[in-house]
Amino acid sequence: MKIAFINPPASVEENYGAMASLAPILPQLGISFLSSYLRKQGHDVDIHDFQVTSKAIVIETCLNHDIIGFSCYITNFKAVSKMVAEIKKLNPAIVLIAGGPHVTLFPEDFKNMQVDYLVSGDGEIPIAELLNSFARGNMDVNIKGVS
């Protein structure tokens, strides 16, 4: 299976609103750490930081993968919500996974979102176990940190 971790497109103004002038511009280290760990486990993983890319390219890229993971922060929650809805509309079979601080702190915010799995806390081991269960063809519902 092809896996991609996505930082969805959104402007600083969309993410931070009136506080945009105070917003830090930082790389998404969480998806980098996860990708590195999963590659060492033998998984085929891509990283896409789409902060400066058109939405059409994002959707095209996502549709070329079997699993899409989003690192969700309070500041990019709206952008992740939009991407999830668009991807599921185009291909309901793509497995969508959300993790990150927003998932860990506010999992109830994902209740009505079309995300297939949530990963709370440090994600390296839980997501590796989740992907390994997919590879075996049986979903282990007792993976600590996965809901």
Protein backbone atom coordinates (compact mmCIF):
# COMPACT_ATOMS: atom_id res chain seq x y z
CA MET A 1 0.00 0.00 0.00
CA LYS A 2 1.10 3.52 -0.75
CA ILE A 3 0.94 5.88 2.21
CA ALA A 4 1.14 9.68 2.15
CA PHE A 5 1.31 12.17 4.96
CA ILE A 6 -0.26 15.48 4.00
CA ASN A 7 0.08 19.01 5.31
CA PRO A 8 -3.02 20.49 3.61
CA PRO A 9 -3.04 23.79 1.75
CA ALA A 10 -4.12 26.77 3.82
CA SER A 11 -2.93 30.33 4.13
CA VAL A 12 -1.51 31.74 7.33
CA GLU A 13 -4.63 33.92 7.49
CA GLU A 14 -6.90 30.83 7.27
CA ASN A 15 -4.93 29.08 9.98
CA TYR A 16 -4.42 31.95 12.42
CA GLY A 17 -7.08 34.54 11.56
CA ALA A 18 -6.48 37.88 13.30
CA MET A 19 -3.26 36.51 14.81
CA ALA A 20 -1.67 35.79 11.39
CA SER A 21 1.10 38.34 11.89
CA LEU A 22 2.29 36.35 14.93
CA ALA A 23 2.17 32.97 13.22
CA PRO A 24 5.36 30.92 13.07
CA ILE A 25 6.39 29.37 9.77
CA LEU A 26 7.65 25.96 10.79
CA PRO A 27 8.13 22.66 8.98
CA GLN A 28 5.78 19.83 9.91
CA LEU A 29 8.19 17.71 11.93
CA GLY A 30 5.54 15.23 13.12
CA ILE A 31 4.87 13.83 9.65
CA SER A 32 8.62 13.76 8.99
CA PHE A 33 9.25 11.68 12.12
CA LEU A 34 6.39 9.30 11.28
CA SER A 35 7.53 8.87 7.69
CA SER A 36 11.10 8.09 8.72
CA TYR A 37 9.96 5.53 11.29
CA LEU A 38 7.55 3.84 8.87
CA ARG A 39 10.15 3.68 6.09
CA LYS A 40 12.48 1.86 8.49
CA GLN A 41 9.61 -0.57 9.07
CA GLY A 42 9.49 -1.24 5.29
CA HIS A 43 6.46 0.89 4.34
CA ASP A 44 6.20 2.95 1.13
CA VAL A 45 5.69 6.49 2.48
CA ASP A 46 5.55 9.92 0.84
CA ILE A 47 5.41 13.33 2.52
CA HIS A 48 3.60 16.26 0.93
CA ASP A 49 3.65 19.74 2.40
CA PHE A 50 1.04 21.56 0.37
CA GLN A 51 1.15 24.95 2.04
CA VAL A 52 2.11 26.55 -1.28
CA THR A 53 0.44 24.16 -3.73
CA SER A 54 -2.88 24.34 -5.55
CA LYS A 55 -5.73 22.25 -4.18
CA ALA A 56 -6.07 20.42 -7.53
CA ILE A 57 -2.52 19.08 -7.22
CA VAL A 58 -3.23 18.01 -3.65
CA ILE A 59 -6.31 16.02 -4.61
CA GLU A 60 -4.54 14.41 -7.59
CA THR A 61 -1.64 13.39 -5.33
CA CYS A 62 -3.95 12.00 -2.65
CA LEU A 63 -5.86 9.86 -5.14
CA ASN A 64 -2.60 8.09 -6.03
CA HIS A 65 -2.27 6.63 -2.51
CA ASP A 66 -4.12 3.96 -0.53
CA ILE A 67 -3.74 5.63 2.85
CA ILE A 68 -3.55 9.34 3.67
CA GLY A 69 -2.44 10.62 7.06
CA PHE A 70 -2.94 14.15 8.34
CA SER A 71 -1.19 15.76 11.26
CA CYS A 72 -3.92 17.93 12.69
CA TYR A 73 -3.31 21.03 14.75
CA ILE A 74 -5.92 23.42 16.07
CA THR A 75 -4.70 25.90 13.47
CA ASN A 76 -5.13 23.57 10.46
CA PHE A 77 -8.27 21.75 11.61
CA LYS A 78 -10.51 23.52 9.06
CA ALA A 79 -8.13 22.76 6.20
CA VAL A 80 -7.93 19.08 7.23
CA SER A 81 -11.75 18.91 7.45
CA LYS A 82 -12.10 20.27 3.92
CA MET A 83 -9.47 17.91 2.51
CA VAL A 84 -11.02 14.87 4.18
CA ALA A 85 -14.46 15.67 2.74
CA GLU A 86 -13.09 16.24 -0.76
CA ILE A 87 -10.96 13.11 -0.80
CA LYS A 88 -13.74 10.85 0.52
CA LYS A 89 -16.16 12.32 -2.03
CA LEU A 90 -13.80 11.41 -4.88
CA ASN A 91 -12.69 8.03 -3.52
CA PRO A 92 -14.44 6.61 -0.44
CA ALA A 93 -12.03 3.63 -0.42
CA ILE A 94 -8.97 5.69 0.56
CA VAL A 95 -8.18 5.14 4.23
CA LEU A 96 -7.82 8.44 6.06
CA ILE A 97 -5.94 8.70 9.34
CA ALA A 98 -5.68 11.80 11.52
CA GLY A 99 -3.19 12.30 14.30
CA GLY A 100 -1.45 15.15 16.03
CA PRO A 101 -2.19 17.50 18.88
CA HIS A 102 -5.78 18.28 17.89
CA VAL A 103 -6.69 14.59 17.78
CA THR A 104 -5.03 13.98 21.13
CA LEU A 105 -6.66 16.95 22.87
CA PHE A 106 -10.06 17.10 21.15
CA PRO A 107 -10.94 13.72 19.60
CA GLU A 108 -14.64 14.55 19.77
CA ASP A 109 -14.10 17.19 17.05
CA PHE A 110 -13.58 14.33 14.58
CA LYS A 111 -16.86 12.59 15.39
CA ASN A 112 -18.62 13.87 12.26
CA MET A 113 -15.56 13.89 10.02
CA GLN A 114 -15.01 11.08 7.51
CA VAL A 115 -11.68 10.05 9.03
CA ASP A 116 -11.32 6.28 9.30
CA TYR A 117 -8.83 6.18 12.20
CA LEU A 118 -7.52 8.55 14.85
CA VAL A 119 -4.06 8.19 16.35
CA SER A 120 -3.58 9.88 19.72
CA GLY A 121 -0.31 10.72 21.47
CA ASP A 122 3.03 9.70 19.99
CA GLY A 123 2.05 8.12 16.71
CA GLU A 124 5.04 6.12 15.50
CA ILE A 125 4.28 2.78 17.14
CA PRO A 126 0.45 2.89 16.92
CA ILE A 127 0.43 3.82 13.23
CA ALA A 128 3.04 1.17 12.43
CA GLU A 129 0.89 -1.44 14.19
CA LEU A 130 -2.19 -0.17 12.31
CA LEU A 131 -0.43 -0.40 8.94
CA ASN A 132 0.94 -3.84 9.77
CA SER A 133 -2.57 -5.04 10.60
CA PHE A 134 -3.75 -3.72 7.20
CA ALA A 135 -0.90 -5.61 5.51
CA ARG A 136 -1.94 -8.82 7.29
CA GLY A 137 -5.51 -8.30 6.14
CA ASN A 138 -7.01 -8.24 9.61
CA MET A 139 -7.74 -5.05 11.49
CA ASP A 140 -6.57 -5.26 15.07
CA VAL A 141 -9.09 -3.19 17.02
CA ASN A 142 -6.99 -3.23 20.21
CA ILE A 143 -4.08 -1.04 19.17
CA LYS A 144 -3.21 1.36 21.98
CA GLY A 145 -3.57 4.95 20.78
CA VAL A 146 -5.79 4.10 17.79
CA SER A 147 -9.53 4.67 17.66
